[in-house]
C-alpha cells in the first residue's frame, strides 16, 4: 500500500462506521474542532496534508462518539473530548515520526477510547472489533495485491 493511502483508509473506515451507526447530524460533531495545532508545541509541525488527515480523523471520531452517545447522553462530553485530544496527540506523534502506516492498526483503539465514556465497555469493545474488520476490508480493497 502506498504511503498516504493509510490516511484514506482511516477516513473511509470512520465514514462507514458512522453510516452503520446511522449518524445523521448536520454540521460538526461536539469535539470535532481541535485547538492542539493552534497551541505552542503542536503548531506548524505537520505538513498541510498531514494536518488535513489529523482533522479528518478527529472529525470522524467525533461523529462516531456522537452517534454512540445519541441525542440524550451528553453527560460525559468532557471524557469524550479528553479521548479525542489524546487520540489526536497519538496521530500527530505517529505522523511526526513518519509512522502513518501504524495508524490503521490503532484505529480500533481510537474508536474504543471515544466510545467508552458514553457507550460503556461492552459496546465500545464491539465497535472496536467492527472497526478492525472495516480496516481490514479497506486495506484489502485499496491494495488488491
N, C-alpha and C. Protein backbone atom coordinates (compact mmCIF):
# COMPACT_ATOMS: atom_id res chain seq x y z
N UNK A 1 0.85 -1.18 0.00
CA UNK A 1 0.00 0.00 0.00
C UNK A 1 0.89 1.23 0.00
N UNK A 2 0.54 2.21 -0.81
CA UNK A 2 1.33 3.43 -0.90
C UNK A 2 1.15 4.30 0.34
N UNK A 3 2.25 4.97 0.70
CA UNK A 3 2.15 5.93 1.79
C UNK A 3 1.13 6.99 1.39
N UNK A 4 0.37 7.45 2.32
CA UNK A 4 -0.70 8.40 2.01
C UNK A 4 -2.04 7.71 1.90
N UNK A 5 -2.01 6.42 1.56
CA UNK A 5 -3.25 5.65 1.46
C UNK A 5 -3.77 5.26 2.82
N UNK A 6 -2.88 5.19 3.80
CA UNK A 6 -3.30 4.80 5.15
C UNK A 6 -4.31 5.79 5.72
N UNK A 7 -4.07 7.05 5.50
CA UNK A 7 -5.00 8.07 5.96
C UNK A 7 -6.35 7.93 5.31
N UNK A 8 -6.33 7.63 4.02
CA UNK A 8 -7.60 7.43 3.29
C UNK A 8 -8.36 6.24 3.86
N UNK A 9 -7.64 5.19 4.24
CA UNK A 9 -8.28 4.03 4.86
C UNK A 9 -8.99 4.44 6.14
N UNK A 10 -8.32 5.22 6.97
CA UNK A 10 -8.92 5.65 8.24
C UNK A 10 -10.16 6.50 8.03
N UNK A 11 -10.07 7.41 7.09
CA UNK A 11 -11.22 8.28 6.83
C UNK A 11 -12.41 7.49 6.29
N UNK A 12 -12.12 6.53 5.42
CA UNK A 12 -13.20 5.70 4.88
C UNK A 12 -13.81 4.82 5.97
N UNK A 13 -12.99 4.28 6.83
CA UNK A 13 -13.49 3.45 7.94
C UNK A 13 -14.38 4.28 8.85
N UNK A 14 -13.95 5.48 9.18
CA UNK A 14 -14.77 6.36 10.03
C UNK A 14 -16.11 6.66 9.36
N UNK A 15 -16.09 6.94 8.06
CA UNK A 15 -17.33 7.21 7.33
C UNK A 15 -18.25 5.99 7.34
N UNK A 16 -17.70 4.82 7.10
CA UNK A 16 -18.51 3.60 7.07
C UNK A 16 -19.11 3.30 8.44
N UNK A 17 -18.31 3.49 9.48
CA UNK A 17 -18.81 3.23 10.82
C UNK A 17 -19.91 4.22 11.20
N UNK A 18 -19.74 5.47 10.81
CA UNK A 18 -20.79 6.48 11.05
C UNK A 18 -22.08 6.08 10.33
N UNK A 19 -21.95 5.61 9.11
CA UNK A 19 -23.13 5.17 8.36
C UNK A 19 -23.81 3.99 9.05
N UNK A 20 -23.02 3.04 9.52
CA UNK A 20 -23.58 1.89 10.22
C UNK A 20 -24.27 2.29 11.52
N UNK A 21 -23.76 3.33 12.15
CA UNK A 21 -24.35 3.82 13.40
C UNK A 21 -25.49 4.81 13.15
N UNK A 22 -25.80 5.01 11.88
CA UNK A 22 -26.89 5.91 11.46
C UNK A 22 -26.66 7.33 11.94
N UNK A 23 -25.43 7.80 11.87
CA UNK A 23 -25.14 9.19 12.23
C UNK A 23 -25.72 10.09 11.15
N UNK A 24 -26.60 10.99 11.55
CA UNK A 24 -27.28 11.84 10.57
C UNK A 24 -27.26 13.32 10.92
N UNK A 25 -26.52 13.68 11.95
CA UNK A 25 -26.45 15.09 12.34
C UNK A 25 -25.82 15.91 11.23
N UNK A 26 -26.19 17.16 11.16
CA UNK A 26 -25.55 18.06 10.22
C UNK A 26 -24.60 18.96 10.99
N UNK A 27 -23.61 19.46 10.32
CA UNK A 27 -22.62 20.29 10.99
C UNK A 27 -21.60 19.44 11.70
N UNK A 28 -20.74 20.09 12.45
CA UNK A 28 -19.67 19.38 13.14
C UNK A 28 -20.17 18.78 14.45
N UNK A 29 -19.67 17.60 14.74
CA UNK A 29 -20.00 16.93 15.99
C UNK A 29 -19.26 17.60 17.14
N UNK A 30 -19.78 17.50 18.35
CA UNK A 30 -19.07 18.06 19.50
C UNK A 30 -17.66 17.48 19.60
N UNK A 31 -16.68 18.34 19.74
CA UNK A 31 -15.30 17.90 19.86
C UNK A 31 -14.56 17.74 18.55
N UNK A 32 -15.23 17.99 17.44
CA UNK A 32 -14.58 17.81 16.14
C UNK A 32 -13.48 18.84 15.89
N UNK A 33 -13.64 20.00 16.45
CA UNK A 33 -12.65 21.05 16.24
C UNK A 33 -11.54 20.93 17.28
N UNK A 34 -10.32 20.92 16.78
CA UNK A 34 -9.16 20.81 17.66
C UNK A 34 -8.50 22.17 17.84
N UNK A 35 -7.92 22.36 18.99
CA UNK A 35 -7.11 23.55 19.21
C UNK A 35 -5.64 23.18 19.40
N UNK A 36 -5.34 21.91 19.35
CA UNK A 36 -3.97 21.46 19.60
C UNK A 36 -2.97 22.02 18.59
N UNK A 37 -3.35 22.13 17.34
CA UNK A 37 -2.42 22.64 16.32
C UNK A 37 -2.22 24.14 16.45
N UNK A 38 -3.12 24.79 17.15
CA UNK A 38 -3.03 26.24 17.31
C UNK A 38 -2.18 26.63 18.51
N UNK A 39 -1.87 25.65 19.34
CA UNK A 39 -1.20 25.94 20.60
C UNK A 39 0.26 25.47 20.57
N UNK A 40 1.16 26.31 20.99
CA UNK A 40 2.55 26.03 21.27
C UNK A 40 3.24 24.95 20.48
N UNK A 41 3.56 23.86 21.14
CA UNK A 41 4.43 22.82 20.60
C UNK A 41 3.87 22.15 19.34
N UNK A 42 2.57 22.02 19.23
CA UNK A 42 1.96 21.32 18.11
C UNK A 42 1.83 22.19 16.85
N UNK A 43 2.00 23.47 16.99
CA UNK A 43 1.76 24.39 15.88
C UNK A 43 2.81 24.22 14.77
N UNK A 44 2.34 24.12 13.57
CA UNK A 44 3.15 24.16 12.34
C UNK A 44 4.24 23.11 12.26
N UNK A 45 4.01 21.95 12.82
CA UNK A 45 4.98 20.86 12.74
C UNK A 45 4.67 19.96 11.55
N UNK A 46 3.40 19.70 11.33
CA UNK A 46 2.98 18.79 10.27
C UNK A 46 2.75 19.54 8.96
N UNK A 47 2.84 18.81 7.88
CA UNK A 47 2.54 19.38 6.57
C UNK A 47 1.04 19.66 6.47
N UNK A 48 0.63 20.49 5.52
CA UNK A 48 -0.80 20.73 5.34
C UNK A 48 -1.59 19.44 5.07
N UNK A 49 -1.00 18.52 4.32
CA UNK A 49 -1.67 17.24 4.04
C UNK A 49 -1.86 16.45 5.34
N UNK A 50 -0.82 16.43 6.18
CA UNK A 50 -0.91 15.72 7.44
C UNK A 50 -1.91 16.39 8.39
N UNK A 51 -1.93 17.71 8.40
CA UNK A 51 -2.91 18.44 9.22
C UNK A 51 -4.32 18.10 8.78
N UNK A 52 -4.51 18.00 7.48
CA UNK A 52 -5.83 17.64 6.95
C UNK A 52 -6.23 16.24 7.40
N UNK A 53 -5.27 15.33 7.41
CA UNK A 53 -5.55 13.97 7.88
C UNK A 53 -5.92 13.98 9.36
N UNK A 54 -5.17 14.70 10.17
CA UNK A 54 -5.47 14.79 11.60
C UNK A 54 -6.88 15.34 11.81
N UNK A 55 -7.20 16.39 11.08
CA UNK A 55 -8.53 17.00 11.18
C UNK A 55 -9.62 16.00 10.79
N UNK A 56 -9.40 15.29 9.69
CA UNK A 56 -10.38 14.31 9.21
C UNK A 56 -10.60 13.17 10.19
N UNK A 57 -9.51 12.68 10.77
CA UNK A 57 -9.62 11.59 11.74
C UNK A 57 -10.38 12.06 12.97
N UNK A 58 -10.02 13.24 13.46
CA UNK A 58 -10.69 13.76 14.66
C UNK A 58 -12.18 13.97 14.38
N UNK A 59 -12.51 14.55 13.24
CA UNK A 59 -13.92 14.78 12.90
C UNK A 59 -14.67 13.46 12.80
N UNK A 60 -14.07 12.46 12.17
CA UNK A 60 -14.72 11.16 12.05
C UNK A 60 -14.96 10.52 13.40
N UNK A 61 -13.96 10.58 14.27
CA UNK A 61 -14.11 10.01 15.61
C UNK A 61 -15.12 10.78 16.45
N UNK A 62 -15.17 12.09 16.27
CA UNK A 62 -16.17 12.89 16.99
C UNK A 62 -17.58 12.50 16.56
N UNK A 63 -17.76 12.23 15.28
CA UNK A 63 -19.07 11.79 14.78
C UNK A 63 -19.43 10.42 15.35
N UNK A 64 -18.44 9.53 15.40
CA UNK A 64 -18.69 8.20 15.97
C UNK A 64 -19.10 8.34 17.42
N UNK A 65 -18.39 9.16 18.18
CA UNK A 65 -18.72 9.37 19.59
C UNK A 65 -20.13 9.95 19.73
N UNK A 66 -20.48 10.89 18.88
CA UNK A 66 -21.82 11.49 18.93
C UNK A 66 -22.89 10.48 18.57
N UNK A 67 -22.62 9.65 17.58
CA UNK A 67 -23.59 8.63 17.17
C UNK A 67 -23.83 7.62 18.29
N UNK A 68 -22.79 7.24 18.97
CA UNK A 68 -22.91 6.28 20.05
C UNK A 68 -23.65 6.90 21.23
N UNK A 69 -23.34 8.15 21.52
CA UNK A 69 -23.98 8.82 22.66
C UNK A 69 -25.44 9.12 22.39
N UNK A 70 -25.77 9.39 21.15
CA UNK A 70 -27.14 9.78 20.84
C UNK A 70 -27.43 11.18 21.32
N UNK A 71 -28.62 11.63 21.12
CA UNK A 71 -29.01 12.99 21.48
C UNK A 71 -29.12 13.19 22.99
N UNK A 72 -29.48 12.14 23.67
CA UNK A 72 -29.80 12.31 25.08
C UNK A 72 -28.60 12.26 26.02
N UNK A 73 -27.54 11.58 25.63
CA UNK A 73 -26.44 11.38 26.57
C UNK A 73 -25.24 12.25 26.23
N UNK A 74 -25.24 13.44 26.75
CA UNK A 74 -24.10 14.35 26.58
C UNK A 74 -23.39 14.55 27.93
N UNK A 75 -23.71 13.69 28.88
CA UNK A 75 -23.18 13.86 30.24
C UNK A 75 -21.68 13.63 30.33
N UNK A 76 -21.15 12.83 29.48
CA UNK A 76 -19.73 12.50 29.55
C UNK A 76 -18.92 13.21 28.46
N UNK A 77 -19.38 14.36 28.03
CA UNK A 77 -18.72 15.07 26.95
C UNK A 77 -17.27 15.40 27.28
N UNK A 78 -16.98 15.72 28.53
CA UNK A 78 -15.58 16.03 28.90
C UNK A 78 -14.67 14.83 28.69
N UNK A 79 -15.15 13.65 29.03
CA UNK A 79 -14.36 12.44 28.84
C UNK A 79 -14.15 12.17 27.35
N UNK A 80 -15.19 12.40 26.55
CA UNK A 80 -15.06 12.22 25.10
C UNK A 80 -14.05 13.22 24.53
N UNK A 81 -14.13 14.48 24.97
CA UNK A 81 -13.18 15.50 24.49
C UNK A 81 -11.75 15.14 24.88
N UNK A 82 -11.57 14.63 26.08
CA UNK A 82 -10.23 14.21 26.51
C UNK A 82 -9.73 13.05 25.65
N UNK A 83 -10.62 12.11 25.34
CA UNK A 83 -10.24 10.98 24.49
C UNK A 83 -9.87 11.47 23.09
N UNK A 84 -10.65 12.40 22.55
CA UNK A 84 -10.34 12.95 21.22
C UNK A 84 -8.99 13.67 21.22
N UNK A 85 -8.71 14.43 22.27
CA UNK A 85 -7.41 15.10 22.37
C UNK A 85 -6.27 14.08 22.45
N UNK A 86 -6.47 13.04 23.24
CA UNK A 86 -5.45 12.00 23.35
C UNK A 86 -5.19 11.29 22.04
N UNK A 87 -6.26 10.94 21.34
CA UNK A 87 -6.12 10.30 20.04
C UNK A 87 -5.38 11.23 19.07
N UNK A 88 -5.76 12.49 19.08
CA UNK A 88 -5.11 13.44 18.19
C UNK A 88 -3.61 13.53 18.48
N UNK A 89 -3.24 13.52 19.74
CA UNK A 89 -1.82 13.57 20.11
C UNK A 89 -1.08 12.33 19.57
N UNK A 90 -1.70 11.17 19.68
CA UNK A 90 -1.08 9.94 19.17
C UNK A 90 -0.93 10.03 17.65
N UNK A 91 -1.99 10.45 16.96
CA UNK A 91 -1.92 10.56 15.50
C UNK A 91 -0.82 11.54 15.09
N UNK A 92 -0.77 12.68 15.74
CA UNK A 92 0.28 13.66 15.44
C UNK A 92 1.67 13.07 15.68
N UNK A 93 1.82 12.36 16.79
CA UNK A 93 3.11 11.74 17.10
C UNK A 93 3.53 10.73 16.05
N UNK A 94 2.60 9.89 15.63
CA UNK A 94 2.92 8.90 14.59
C UNK A 94 3.28 9.58 13.28
N UNK A 95 2.57 10.62 12.92
CA UNK A 95 2.87 11.34 11.68
C UNK A 95 4.23 12.05 11.77
N UNK A 96 4.52 12.66 12.90
CA UNK A 96 5.81 13.34 13.06
C UNK A 96 6.97 12.35 12.97
N UNK A 97 6.74 11.12 13.40
CA UNK A 97 7.79 10.10 13.35
C UNK A 97 7.79 9.30 12.04
N UNK A 98 6.94 9.70 11.11
CA UNK A 98 6.88 9.02 9.82
C UNK A 98 6.22 7.66 9.88
N UNK A 99 5.35 7.46 10.82
CA UNK A 99 4.71 6.16 11.01
C UNK A 99 3.23 6.14 10.63
N UNK A 100 2.89 6.77 9.53
CA UNK A 100 1.49 6.78 9.10
C UNK A 100 0.96 5.36 8.92
N UNK A 101 1.83 4.44 8.55
CA UNK A 101 1.42 3.05 8.34
C UNK A 101 0.93 2.36 9.62
N UNK A 102 1.22 2.93 10.77
CA UNK A 102 0.76 2.36 12.05
C UNK A 102 -0.68 2.76 12.38
N UNK A 103 -1.16 3.82 11.77
CA UNK A 103 -2.48 4.35 12.13
C UNK A 103 -3.63 3.37 11.92
N UNK A 104 -3.68 2.61 10.82
CA UNK A 104 -4.79 1.66 10.69
C UNK A 104 -4.86 0.64 11.84
N UNK A 105 -3.71 0.22 12.34
CA UNK A 105 -3.69 -0.73 13.46
C UNK A 105 -4.22 -0.09 14.74
N UNK A 106 -4.08 1.22 14.84
CA UNK A 106 -4.51 1.94 16.04
C UNK A 106 -5.98 2.35 16.00
N UNK A 107 -6.58 2.37 14.82
CA UNK A 107 -7.95 2.87 14.68
C UNK A 107 -8.96 2.16 15.59
N UNK A 108 -8.91 0.82 15.72
CA UNK A 108 -9.86 0.19 16.65
C UNK A 108 -9.73 0.70 18.09
N UNK A 109 -8.52 0.97 18.52
CA UNK A 109 -8.30 1.51 19.86
C UNK A 109 -8.84 2.93 19.96
N UNK A 110 -8.68 3.70 18.90
CA UNK A 110 -9.20 5.07 18.90
C UNK A 110 -10.72 5.05 19.06
N UNK A 111 -11.37 4.18 18.32
CA UNK A 111 -12.84 4.08 18.41
C UNK A 111 -13.24 3.64 19.81
N UNK A 112 -12.54 2.68 20.36
CA UNK A 112 -12.82 2.24 21.72
C UNK A 112 -12.75 3.41 22.70
N UNK A 113 -11.69 4.19 22.61
CA UNK A 113 -11.49 5.31 23.54
C UNK A 113 -12.59 6.36 23.46
N UNK A 114 -13.04 6.69 22.26
CA UNK A 114 -14.05 7.75 22.15
C UNK A 114 -15.46 7.22 22.42
N UNK A 115 -15.68 5.91 22.28
CA UNK A 115 -17.00 5.33 22.54
C UNK A 115 -17.19 4.98 24.02
N UNK A 116 -16.12 4.65 24.70
CA UNK A 116 -16.21 4.16 26.07
C UNK A 116 -16.97 5.08 27.03
N UNK A 117 -16.73 6.38 27.03
CA UNK A 117 -17.41 7.22 28.04
C UNK A 117 -18.93 7.20 27.97
N UNK A 118 -19.50 7.02 26.79
CA UNK A 118 -20.96 7.06 26.69
C UNK A 118 -21.58 5.70 26.39
N UNK A 119 -20.83 4.82 25.76
CA UNK A 119 -21.41 3.53 25.36
C UNK A 119 -21.16 2.42 26.36
N UNK A 120 -20.16 2.59 27.20
CA UNK A 120 -19.80 1.52 28.12
C UNK A 120 -18.82 0.56 27.48
N UNK A 121 -18.22 -0.26 28.32
CA UNK A 121 -17.14 -1.13 27.88
C UNK A 121 -17.55 -2.15 26.83
N UNK A 122 -18.65 -2.85 27.03
CA UNK A 122 -19.05 -3.90 26.09
C UNK A 122 -19.34 -3.35 24.70
N UNK A 123 -20.09 -2.28 24.64
CA UNK A 123 -20.40 -1.67 23.33
C UNK A 123 -19.14 -1.10 22.70
N UNK A 124 -18.26 -0.49 23.48
CA UNK A 124 -17.01 0.05 22.95
C UNK A 124 -16.14 -1.07 22.37
N UNK A 125 -16.13 -2.22 23.03
CA UNK A 125 -15.38 -3.37 22.51
C UNK A 125 -15.98 -3.86 21.20
N UNK A 126 -17.31 -3.94 21.13
CA UNK A 126 -17.98 -4.33 19.89
C UNK A 126 -17.60 -3.40 18.74
N UNK A 127 -17.65 -2.10 19.01
CA UNK A 127 -17.31 -1.12 17.98
C UNK A 127 -15.84 -1.21 17.58
N UNK A 128 -14.99 -1.50 18.53
CA UNK A 128 -13.57 -1.66 18.24
C UNK A 128 -13.35 -2.86 17.31
N UNK A 129 -14.02 -3.95 17.61
CA UNK A 129 -13.91 -5.15 16.77
C UNK A 129 -14.46 -4.89 15.37
N UNK A 130 -15.57 -4.19 15.29
CA UNK A 130 -16.14 -3.86 13.98
C UNK A 130 -15.19 -2.96 13.22
N UNK A 131 -14.56 -2.02 13.90
CA UNK A 131 -13.59 -1.14 13.26
C UNK A 131 -12.41 -1.93 12.72
N UNK A 132 -11.92 -2.89 13.47
CA UNK A 132 -10.81 -3.73 13.00
C UNK A 132 -11.19 -4.46 11.71
N UNK A 133 -12.42 -4.97 11.67
CA UNK A 133 -12.89 -5.67 10.45
C UNK A 133 -12.98 -4.69 9.28
N UNK A 134 -13.49 -3.49 9.53
CA UNK A 134 -13.59 -2.49 8.46
C UNK A 134 -12.21 -2.07 7.97
N UNK A 135 -11.26 -1.93 8.87
CA UNK A 135 -9.89 -1.57 8.47
C UNK A 135 -9.34 -2.64 7.53
N UNK A 136 -9.50 -3.90 7.91
CA UNK A 136 -9.01 -4.99 7.06
C UNK A 136 -9.68 -4.98 5.68
N UNK A 137 -10.99 -4.75 5.66
CA UNK A 137 -11.71 -4.68 4.38
C UNK A 137 -11.17 -3.54 3.51
N UNK A 138 -10.97 -2.39 4.11
CA UNK A 138 -10.50 -1.23 3.36
C UNK A 138 -9.06 -1.42 2.87
N UNK A 139 -8.23 -2.04 3.68
CA UNK A 139 -6.85 -2.30 3.24
C UNK A 139 -6.84 -3.25 2.06
N UNK A 140 -7.65 -4.30 2.13
CA UNK A 140 -7.74 -5.25 1.01
C UNK A 140 -8.28 -4.57 -0.23
N UNK A 141 -9.29 -3.72 -0.05
CA UNK A 141 -9.90 -3.04 -1.19
C UNK A 141 -8.93 -2.07 -1.85
N UNK A 142 -8.14 -1.37 -1.05
CA UNK A 142 -7.25 -0.36 -1.61
C UNK A 142 -5.90 -0.94 -2.05
N UNK A 143 -5.60 -2.18 -1.66
CA UNK A 143 -4.34 -2.80 -2.03
C UNK A 143 -4.64 -4.25 -2.47
N UNK A 144 -5.17 -4.44 -3.67
CA UNK A 144 -5.65 -5.76 -4.09
C UNK A 144 -4.55 -6.80 -4.29
N UNK A 145 -3.29 -6.42 -4.22
CA UNK A 145 -2.21 -7.40 -4.41
C UNK A 145 -2.04 -8.14 -3.16
